[in-house]
Amino acid sequence: MAPRSAPSARRQRIGVELRRLRERAGMTAAEASRALGTTQGQISNIEANRFGVNPERVRTLARIYGCTDTQLVDALADMAAERTRGWWEEYREILPQRLLDLAEMEHHAASLRVAQVINIPGLLQTPEHARALFREAVPELRPHEIEHRISHRIKRQAVLFREQPVPYTAIIHEAALRMQFGGREVVRTQLEHLLRIEEEPNVTVRVIAFDGTSFPTSGHGVDYAYGPVTDLDTAQLDTTHGVQVIDAGGQLAKYRLVLDRMEKVALKPSASRDLIHRLIQDA
């Protein structure tokens, strides 16, 4: 079995989940290796994703660990069977790994829910708006680096328009809609784009208005990808020091609750559209 180089976060997740299944079964890596008829190092390499694992091995390990959640096991086996390279691979030597992982996460998501307080969500941005944001990056990006990021961001948006588009809900604070990134014309075009894309049947935009409403947030953007089963959900937090990936059950439950509470206080879609229309008139 050949070592894998630079595995994606999605590939790493297989090993993480197999380790969790083993730990829930109360088995050590040594015990698991004896049951499988292999070495302890083999189990460690699988869990650390230093080596790939095939669907049959996933199912065998799940049986050894006594996992009866057939949906979870099927989903993990399907992940292990994936061999097709995604479009994001063309950026592997160009962009940071975290951006490739984000595109892969969105591509495989059963549905997506995001929340932003300061920025328009990436899947809803125009190229001009994205360019204005990237020009403010720290450390400063060179012109060709900015264009690579814009290209990648626009290609990510294909998940909203493909033959089976991903259901997408964006919770956006009014502050993000009022930010003047790129100037008035860029802002107006971006707001008009939000109204057009919100007409897609799979896209829902909810705005939290400046009306004194309180809600839980740290100010960081949250991208929540629902998996085929809850155990395989993933969240990404867009922080100043970089992207943080969340896949632990307790933390995921916390962010689902945060998003639920933010969505609860947000305007209904029709009222959100009315607010965006007013902001366009004022732009």
Protein backbone atom coordinates (compact mmCIF):
# COMPACT_ATOMS: atom_id res chain seq x y z
CA MET A 1 0.00 0.00 0.00
CA ALA A 2 1.69 3.20 -1.16
CA PRO A 3 1.92 6.29 1.06
CA ARG A 4 -0.38 9.16 0.15
CA SER A 5 1.05 12.65 -0.32
CA ALA A 6 -0.75 15.77 0.86
CA PRO A 7 -4.17 14.14 1.44
CA SER A 8 -7.15 16.45 1.36
CA ALA A 9 -9.20 17.17 4.46
CA ARG A 10 -11.91 14.89 3.07
CA ARG A 11 -9.47 11.97 2.72
CA GLN A 12 -8.10 12.65 6.20
CA ARG A 13 -11.64 12.49 7.55
CA ILE A 14 -11.84 8.77 6.75
CA GLY A 15 -8.97 8.02 9.10
CA VAL A 16 -10.37 10.33 11.76
CA GLU A 17 -13.74 8.60 11.70
CA LEU A 18 -12.18 5.12 11.80
CA ARG A 19 -10.18 6.17 14.86
CA ARG A 20 -13.35 7.44 16.50
CA LEU A 21 -15.12 4.15 15.79
CA ARG A 22 -12.22 2.25 17.35
CA GLU A 23 -12.19 4.47 20.43
CA ARG A 24 -15.96 4.15 20.87
CA ALA A 25 -15.49 0.38 20.78
CA GLY A 26 -12.95 0.71 23.59
CA MET A 27 -10.22 -0.95 21.51
CA THR A 28 -6.56 -0.02 21.37
CA ALA A 29 -4.71 0.14 18.07
CA ALA A 30 -2.87 -3.05 19.09
CA GLU A 31 -6.15 -4.87 19.72
CA ALA A 32 -7.56 -3.67 16.41
CA SER A 33 -4.46 -4.80 14.54
CA ARG A 34 -4.70 -8.31 16.01
CA ALA A 35 -8.37 -8.56 15.06
CA LEU A 36 -7.55 -7.41 11.54
CA GLY A 37 -4.51 -9.66 11.27
CA THR A 38 -2.06 -6.84 10.63
CA THR A 39 0.38 -4.65 12.56
CA GLN A 40 -0.35 -1.84 14.98
CA GLY A 41 1.58 0.44 12.65
CA GLN A 42 -0.86 -0.38 9.86
CA ILE A 43 -3.80 0.80 11.98
CA SER A 44 -1.92 3.95 12.96
CA ASN A 45 -1.03 4.68 9.32
CA ILE A 46 -4.67 4.25 8.24
CA GLU A 47 -5.95 6.54 10.99
CA ALA A 48 -3.30 9.16 10.25
CA ASN A 49 -3.99 8.77 6.51
CA ARG A 50 -0.36 8.05 5.75
CA PHE A 51 -1.74 5.23 3.61
CA GLY A 52 -4.97 5.04 1.66
CA VAL A 53 -7.74 2.64 2.61
CA ASN A 54 -10.20 0.88 0.31
CA PRO A 55 -13.95 0.45 0.88
CA GLU A 56 -13.59 -3.23 1.86
CA ARG A 57 -11.07 -2.37 4.57
CA VAL A 58 -13.41 0.35 5.87
CA ARG A 59 -16.27 -2.14 6.17
CA THR A 60 -14.04 -4.76 7.80
CA LEU A 61 -12.81 -2.31 10.42
CA ALA A 62 -16.38 -1.12 11.08
CA ARG A 63 -17.42 -4.74 11.75
CA ILE A 64 -14.47 -5.26 14.09
CA TYR A 65 -15.47 -2.11 15.98
CA GLY A 66 -19.09 -3.25 16.21
CA CYS A 67 -20.46 -0.25 14.35
CA THR A 68 -24.11 -0.86 13.46
CA ASP A 69 -24.69 2.53 11.82
CA THR A 70 -24.97 1.27 8.25
CA GLN A 71 -25.51 4.75 6.81
CA LEU A 72 -22.26 5.99 8.34
CA VAL A 73 -20.33 2.92 7.20
CA ASP A 74 -21.75 3.20 3.66
CA ALA A 75 -20.83 6.88 3.52
CA LEU A 76 -17.26 6.21 4.69
CA ALA A 77 -16.92 3.38 2.17
CA ASP A 78 -18.14 5.67 -0.59
CA MET A 79 -15.57 8.29 0.44
CA ALA A 80 -12.82 5.65 0.34
CA ALA A 81 -13.94 4.60 -3.15
CA GLU A 82 -13.61 8.09 -4.63
CA ARG A 83 -10.91 8.24 -7.25
CA THR A 84 -11.97 11.10 -9.54
CA ARG A 85 -9.86 14.23 -9.30
CA GLY A 86 -11.92 17.35 -8.74
CA TRP A 87 -11.49 20.54 -10.75
CA TRP A 88 -9.81 22.16 -7.72
CA GLU A 89 -6.76 19.92 -8.21
CA GLU A 90 -5.58 22.22 -11.00
CA TYR A 91 -4.89 24.79 -8.28
CA ARG A 92 -2.83 22.44 -6.08
CA GLU A 93 0.51 24.14 -6.75
CA ILE A 94 -1.05 27.60 -6.94
CA LEU A 95 -3.36 28.13 -3.94
CA PRO A 96 -3.21 27.14 -0.26
CA GLN A 97 -4.52 23.66 0.60
CA ARG A 98 -7.33 25.17 2.71
CA LEU A 99 -8.93 26.66 -0.40
CA LEU A 100 -8.83 23.32 -2.18
CA ASP A 101 -10.38 21.65 0.87
CA LEU A 102 -13.17 24.26 0.92
CA ALA A 103 -14.03 23.62 -2.74
CA GLU A 104 -14.03 19.86 -2.15
CA MET A 105 -16.23 20.25 0.94
CA GLU A 106 -18.78 22.32 -0.98
CA HIS A 107 -18.73 19.94 -3.94
CA HIS A 108 -19.65 16.91 -1.81
CA ALA A 109 -22.06 18.64 0.60
CA ALA A 110 -25.66 17.43 0.80
CA SER A 111 -26.55 21.04 1.64
CA LEU A 112 -24.76 24.20 2.74
CA ARG A 113 -25.57 26.87 5.32
CA VAL A 114 -23.33 29.89 5.85
CA ALA A 115 -23.36 32.96 8.06
CA GLN A 116 -21.43 36.18 7.49
CA VAL A 117 -21.44 39.42 9.48
CA ILE A 118 -18.90 41.52 7.55
CA ASN A 119 -18.49 39.89 4.14
CA ILE A 120 -20.77 38.62 1.40
CA PRO A 121 -20.46 34.80 1.29
CA GLY A 122 -17.92 33.64 -1.30
CA LEU A 123 -20.42 31.63 -3.34
CA LEU A 124 -22.51 34.78 -3.80
CA GLN A 125 -19.73 37.25 -4.70
CA THR A 126 -19.20 38.93 -8.05
CA PRO A 127 -15.66 38.90 -9.50
CA GLU A 128 -15.36 42.65 -8.88
CA HIS A 129 -16.38 42.31 -5.23
CA ALA A 130 -13.97 39.41 -4.73
CA ARG A 131 -11.16 41.38 -6.35
CA ALA A 132 -11.77 44.31 -3.98
CA LEU A 133 -11.57 41.96 -0.99
CA PHE A 134 -8.41 40.22 -2.15
CA ARG A 135 -6.69 43.57 -2.67
CA GLU A 136 -7.05 44.12 1.09
CA ALA A 137 -5.48 40.77 2.01
CA VAL A 138 -2.75 40.61 4.63
CA PRO A 139 -0.06 39.81 3.66
CA GLU A 140 -0.55 41.61 0.36
CA LEU A 141 -1.25 39.41 -2.66
CA ARG A 142 0.48 39.94 -5.99
CA PRO A 143 -1.76 40.64 -9.01
CA HIS A 144 -1.53 37.11 -10.44
CA GLU A 145 -2.29 35.62 -7.01
CA ILE A 146 -5.43 37.74 -6.80
CA GLU A 147 -6.58 36.54 -10.21
CA HIS A 148 -6.00 32.88 -9.29
CA ARG A 149 -8.14 33.33 -6.17
CA ILE A 150 -10.91 35.03 -8.13
CA SER A 151 -10.91 32.23 -10.71
CA HIS A 152 -11.08 29.60 -7.97
CA ARG A 153 -13.90 31.42 -6.17
CA ILE A 154 -16.02 31.73 -9.29
CA LYS A 155 -15.53 28.04 -10.15
CA ARG A 156 -16.68 27.13 -6.63
CA GLN A 157 -20.00 28.80 -7.41
CA ALA A 158 -20.83 26.06 -9.94
CA VAL A 159 -22.27 23.94 -7.08
CA LEU A 160 -25.25 26.31 -7.06
CA PHE A 161 -26.02 25.84 -10.76
CA ARG A 162 -25.10 22.26 -11.65
CA GLU A 163 -27.66 19.65 -12.75
CA GLN A 164 -28.30 18.72 -9.11
CA PRO A 165 -27.50 22.00 -7.33
CA VAL A 166 -26.66 21.99 -3.64
CA PRO A 167 -29.36 23.54 -1.38
CA TYR A 168 -27.78 26.73 -0.05
CA THR A 169 -28.86 29.08 2.76
CA ALA A 170 -26.94 32.29 3.42
CA ILE A 171 -27.49 34.30 6.60
CA ILE A 172 -25.99 37.75 6.03
CA HIS A 173 -25.92 40.67 8.45
CA GLU A 174 -26.97 44.04 7.07
CA ALA A 175 -23.47 45.28 7.93
CA ALA A 176 -22.01 43.07 5.19
CA LEU A 177 -24.47 44.52 2.68
CA ARG A 178 -23.46 48.08 3.59
CA MET A 179 -19.69 47.58 3.38
CA GLN A 180 -18.20 49.70 0.58
CA PHE A 181 -15.62 47.26 -0.78
CA GLY A 182 -14.64 48.42 -4.27
CA GLY A 183 -16.76 51.56 -4.25
CA ARG A 184 -20.41 52.38 -4.95
CA GLU A 185 -20.67 50.81 -8.41
CA VAL A 186 -19.15 47.53 -7.24
CA VAL A 187 -21.47 47.55 -4.22
CA ARG A 188 -24.55 48.17 -6.36
CA THR A 189 -23.61 45.41 -8.80
CA GLN A 190 -23.00 43.02 -5.91
CA LEU A 191 -26.39 43.73 -4.34
CA GLU A 192 -28.15 43.32 -7.68
CA HIS A 193 -26.33 39.99 -8.11
CA LEU A 194 -27.63 38.84 -4.72
CA LEU A 195 -31.20 39.48 -5.87
CA ARG A 196 -30.67 37.56 -9.12
CA ILE A 197 -29.01 34.55 -7.53
CA GLU A 198 -31.61 34.43 -4.76
CA GLU A 199 -34.17 33.64 -7.46
CA GLU A 200 -32.55 30.21 -7.90
CA PRO A 201 -34.86 27.63 -6.26
CA ASN A 202 -32.01 26.12 -4.24
CA VAL A 203 -30.73 29.46 -2.87
CA THR A 204 -32.13 31.24 0.18
CA VAL A 205 -30.82 34.58 1.45
CA ARG A 206 -31.80 35.75 4.94
CA VAL A 207 -30.67 39.15 6.25
CA ILE A 208 -30.18 40.07 9.91
CA ALA A 209 -31.22 43.72 10.02
CA PHE A 210 -29.83 46.62 12.03
CA ASP A 211 -32.82 46.65 14.41
CA GLY A 212 -31.25 45.88 17.77
CA THR A 213 -31.57 42.13 17.30
CA SER A 214 -29.08 40.11 19.35
CA PHE A 215 -27.63 36.80 18.21
CA PRO A 216 -24.61 34.59 18.98
CA THR A 217 -21.52 35.35 16.88
CA SER A 218 -17.80 35.91 17.22
CA GLY A 219 -17.78 37.90 13.98
CA HIS A 220 -16.12 35.07 12.07
CA GLY A 221 -17.73 33.62 8.97
CA VAL A 222 -19.13 30.09 9.28
CA ASP A 223 -19.46 27.66 6.38
CA TYR A 224 -21.42 24.56 7.43
CA ALA A 225 -21.55 21.57 5.07
CA TYR A 226 -24.11 18.87 5.82
CA GLY A 227 -22.87 15.38 5.00
CA PRO A 228 -24.80 12.24 4.05
CA VAL A 229 -25.06 11.58 7.82
CA THR A 230 -24.70 14.01 10.72
CA ASP A 231 -21.43 12.41 11.86
CA LEU A 232 -19.87 13.53 8.57
CA ASP A 233 -20.91 17.19 8.73
CA THR A 234 -18.06 19.70 8.48
CA ALA A 235 -17.75 23.36 9.42
CA GLN A 236 -15.10 25.88 8.43
CA LEU A 237 -14.50 29.09 10.36
CA ASP A 238 -12.95 31.98 8.45
CA THR A 239 -10.70 33.65 11.05
CA THR A 240 -8.01 36.32 10.77
CA HIS A 241 -5.27 33.77 11.44
CA GLY A 242 -6.65 31.33 8.85
CA VAL A 243 -9.35 28.75 8.25
CA GLN A 244 -10.26 26.43 11.11
CA VAL A 245 -11.92 23.10 10.24
CA ILE A 246 -14.46 21.68 12.70
CA ASP A 247 -15.46 18.01 12.56
CA ALA A 248 -15.94 16.97 16.21
CA GLY A 249 -19.54 16.10 17.05
CA GLY A 250 -19.89 18.41 20.05
CA GLN A 251 -18.46 21.41 18.23
CA LEU A 252 -20.59 20.76 15.15
CA ALA A 253 -23.71 20.66 17.35
CA LYS A 254 -22.69 24.04 18.80
CA TYR A 255 -22.38 25.64 15.37
CA ARG A 256 -25.66 24.15 14.18
CA LEU A 257 -27.28 25.83 17.19
CA VAL A 258 -25.51 29.12 16.46
CA LEU A 259 -26.77 29.04 12.87
CA ASP A 260 -30.27 28.08 14.02
CA ARG A 261 -30.40 31.09 16.36
CA MET A 262 -29.04 33.45 13.72
CA GLU A 263 -31.57 32.21 11.18
CA LYS A 264 -34.37 32.56 13.72
CA VAL A 265 -33.76 36.30 14.14
CA ALA A 266 -33.11 36.95 10.43
CA LEU A 267 -35.72 38.51 8.17
CA LYS A 268 -37.83 36.21 6.03
CA PRO A 269 -36.61 35.86 2.41
CA SER A 270 -39.21 38.30 1.07
CA ALA A 271 -38.35 40.94 3.67
CA SER A 272 -34.66 40.33 3.01
CA ARG A 273 -35.22 41.04 -0.68
CA ASP A 274 -37.06 44.25 0.18
CA LEU A 275 -34.15 45.40 2.35
CA ILE A 276 -31.62 44.67 -0.41
CA HIS A 277 -33.79 46.62 -2.88
CA ARG A 278 -33.75 49.63 -0.54
CA LEU A 279 -29.97 49.41 -0.17
CA ILE A 280 -29.58 49.37 -3.97
CA GLN A 281 -31.66 52.55 -4.21
CA ASP A 282 -29.44 54.17 -1.58
CA ALA A 283 -26.16 52.98 -3.15
